[in-house]
């Protein structure tokens, strides 16, 4: 049993999945989620699953994720529409 628990997991051997949350790959995903959340706020669309995930992740990192994400200052609903968004 000890040998089994010390052996590398198969998914990490073949695809080099991140081993901890400090990985660049996770940070990039968190930044993208903060961007989606910012766009949703501008469009007045609730995204409770993304918001909850970002708050939980912020607690794990002990920092507010939007500080290293994107908050789109100066971007508004008209900008979204000009990019092709169909808002009510």
C-alpha atoms as a PDB file:
ATOM      1  CA  UNK A   1       0.000   0.000   0.000  1.00  0.00           C
ATOM      2  CA  UNK A   2       2.832   2.398   0.833  1.00  0.00           C
ATOM      3  CA  UNK A   3       4.415   1.946  -2.604  1.00  0.00           C
ATOM      4  CA  UNK A   4       1.076   2.661  -4.255  1.00  0.00           C
ATOM      5  CA  UNK A   5       0.545   5.886  -2.311  1.00  0.00           C
ATOM      6  CA  UNK A   6       4.071   7.145  -3.073  1.00  0.00           C
ATOM      7  CA  UNK A   7       3.881   6.401  -6.797  1.00  0.00           C
ATOM      8  CA  UNK A   8       3.050   9.360  -9.071  1.00  0.00           C
ATOM      9  CA  UNK A   9      -0.551   9.509 -10.146  1.00  0.00           C
ATOM     10  CA  UNK A  10      -1.149   8.394 -13.756  1.00  0.00           C
ATOM     11  CA  UNK A  11      -2.684  11.694 -14.865  1.00  0.00           C
ATOM     12  CA  UNK A  12       0.357  13.627 -13.638  1.00  0.00           C
ATOM     13  CA  UNK A  13       2.789  11.335 -15.402  1.00  0.00           C
ATOM     14  CA  UNK A  14       1.160  11.652 -18.798  1.00  0.00           C
ATOM     15  CA  UNK A  15      -0.193  15.225 -18.873  1.00  0.00           C
ATOM     16  CA  UNK A  16       1.797  17.017 -16.171  1.00  0.00           C
ATOM     17  CA  UNK A  17      -1.280  18.323 -14.386  1.00  0.00           C
ATOM     18  CA  UNK A  18      -0.540  21.026 -11.790  1.00  0.00           C
ATOM     19  CA  UNK A  19       0.286  19.664  -8.355  1.00  0.00           C
ATOM     20  CA  UNK A  20      -0.796  22.715  -6.349  1.00  0.00           C
ATOM     21  CA  UNK A  21      -2.815  25.923  -6.651  1.00  0.00           C
ATOM     22  CA  UNK A  22       0.265  28.090  -7.165  1.00  0.00           C
ATOM     23  CA  UNK A  23       0.562  26.785 -10.701  1.00  0.00           C
ATOM     24  CA  UNK A  24       0.549  29.306 -13.535  1.00  0.00           C
ATOM     25  CA  UNK A  25      -2.218  27.276 -15.194  1.00  0.00           C
ATOM     26  CA  UNK A  26      -4.613  27.797 -12.280  1.00  0.00           C
ATOM     27  CA  UNK A  27      -3.756  31.488 -11.967  1.00  0.00           C
ATOM     28  CA  UNK A  28      -4.565  32.012 -15.655  1.00  0.00           C
ATOM     29  CA  UNK A  29      -7.951  30.318 -15.216  1.00  0.00           C
ATOM     30  CA  UNK A  30      -8.750  32.478 -12.193  1.00  0.00           C
ATOM     31  CA  UNK A  31      -7.890  35.620 -14.162  1.00  0.00           C
ATOM     32  CA  UNK A  32     -10.216  34.522 -16.977  1.00  0.00           C
ATOM     33  CA  UNK A  33     -13.021  33.859 -14.483  1.00  0.00           C
ATOM     34  CA  UNK A  34     -12.595  37.325 -12.963  1.00  0.00           C
ATOM     35  CA  UNK A  35     -12.894  38.752 -16.475  1.00  0.00           C
ATOM     36  CA  UNK A  36     -16.118  36.801 -17.122  1.00  0.00           C
ATOM     37  CA  UNK A  37     -17.508  37.961 -13.780  1.00  0.00           C
ATOM     38  CA  UNK A  38     -16.673  41.597 -14.655  1.00  0.00           C
ATOM     39  CA  UNK A  39     -18.427  41.286 -18.032  1.00  0.00           C
ATOM     40  CA  UNK A  40     -21.460  39.725 -16.331  1.00  0.00           C
ATOM     41  CA  UNK A  41     -21.621  42.611 -13.816  1.00  0.00           C
ATOM     42  CA  UNK A  42     -21.584  45.134 -16.668  1.00  0.00           C
ATOM     43  CA  UNK A  43     -24.400  43.218 -18.408  1.00  0.00           C
ATOM     44  CA  UNK A  44     -26.383  42.938 -15.147  1.00  0.00           C
ATOM     45  CA  UNK A  45     -26.345  39.146 -15.422  1.00  0.00           C
ATOM     46  CA  UNK A  46     -25.935  37.086 -12.261  1.00  0.00           C
ATOM     47  CA  UNK A  47     -23.187  34.459 -12.297  1.00  0.00           C
ATOM     48  CA  UNK A  48     -23.501  32.960  -8.817  1.00  0.00           C
ATOM     49  CA  UNK A  49     -21.395  29.873  -9.553  1.00  0.00           C
ATOM     50  CA  UNK A  50     -18.436  31.933 -10.807  1.00  0.00           C
ATOM     51  CA  UNK A  51     -18.792  34.410  -7.933  1.00  0.00           C
ATOM     52  CA  UNK A  52     -18.888  31.611  -5.362  1.00  0.00           C
ATOM     53  CA  UNK A  53     -15.885  29.888  -6.899  1.00  0.00           C
ATOM     54  CA  UNK A  54     -13.905  33.152  -6.915  1.00  0.00           C
ATOM     55  CA  UNK A  55     -14.760  33.872  -3.272  1.00  0.00           C
ATOM     56  CA  UNK A  56     -13.731  30.369  -2.194  1.00  0.00           C
ATOM     57  CA  UNK A  57     -10.521  30.618  -4.188  1.00  0.00           C
ATOM     58  CA  UNK A  58      -9.837  34.075  -2.756  1.00  0.00           C
ATOM     59  CA  UNK A  59     -10.077  32.578   0.719  1.00  0.00           C
ATOM     60  CA  UNK A  60      -7.649  29.817  -0.234  1.00  0.00           C
ATOM     61  CA  UNK A  61      -5.131  32.334  -1.619  1.00  0.00           C
ATOM     62  CA  UNK A  62      -5.832  34.796   1.214  1.00  0.00           C
ATOM     63  CA  UNK A  63      -6.105  37.633  -1.328  1.00  0.00           C
ATOM     64  CA  UNK A  64      -8.896  39.102  -3.392  1.00  0.00           C
ATOM     65  CA  UNK A  65      -8.682  37.580  -6.858  1.00  0.00           C
ATOM     66  CA  UNK A  66      -9.832  40.622  -8.832  1.00  0.00           C
ATOM     67  CA  UNK A  67      -6.641  42.352  -7.667  1.00  0.00           C
ATOM     68  CA  UNK A  68      -4.701  40.248 -10.145  1.00  0.00           C
ATOM     69  CA  UNK A  69      -7.607  39.744 -12.525  1.00  0.00           C
ATOM     70  CA  UNK A  70      -9.401  42.210 -14.735  1.00  0.00           C
ATOM     71  CA  UNK A  71     -12.110  44.627 -13.648  1.00  0.00           C
ATOM     72  CA  UNK A  72     -12.662  46.479 -16.972  1.00  0.00           C
ATOM     73  CA  UNK A  73     -12.661  50.071 -15.709  1.00  0.00           C
ATOM     74  CA  UNK A  74     -14.562  52.416 -18.023  1.00  0.00           C
ATOM     75  CA  UNK A  75     -16.211  49.546 -19.925  1.00  0.00           C
ATOM     76  CA  UNK A  76     -20.021  49.777 -20.065  1.00  0.00           C
ATOM     77  CA  UNK A  77     -23.125  48.144 -21.583  1.00  0.00           C
ATOM     78  CA  UNK A  78     -22.823  50.162 -24.783  1.00  0.00           C
ATOM     79  CA  UNK A  79     -19.319  48.778 -25.268  1.00  0.00           C
ATOM     80  CA  UNK A  80     -20.665  45.232 -24.894  1.00  0.00           C
ATOM     81  CA  UNK A  81     -23.369  45.941 -27.488  1.00  0.00           C
ATOM     82  CA  UNK A  82     -20.791  47.403 -29.877  1.00  0.00           C
ATOM     83  CA  UNK A  83     -18.928  44.078 -29.633  1.00  0.00           C
ATOM     84  CA  UNK A  84     -22.107  42.217 -30.579  1.00  0.00           C
ATOM     85  CA  UNK A  85     -23.669  41.392 -27.219  1.00  0.00           C
ATOM     86  CA  UNK A  86     -27.452  41.074 -27.269  1.00  0.00           C
ATOM     87  CA  UNK A  87     -28.681  42.462 -23.965  1.00  0.00           C
ATOM     88  CA  UNK A  88     -32.238  42.999 -22.762  1.00  0.00           C
END
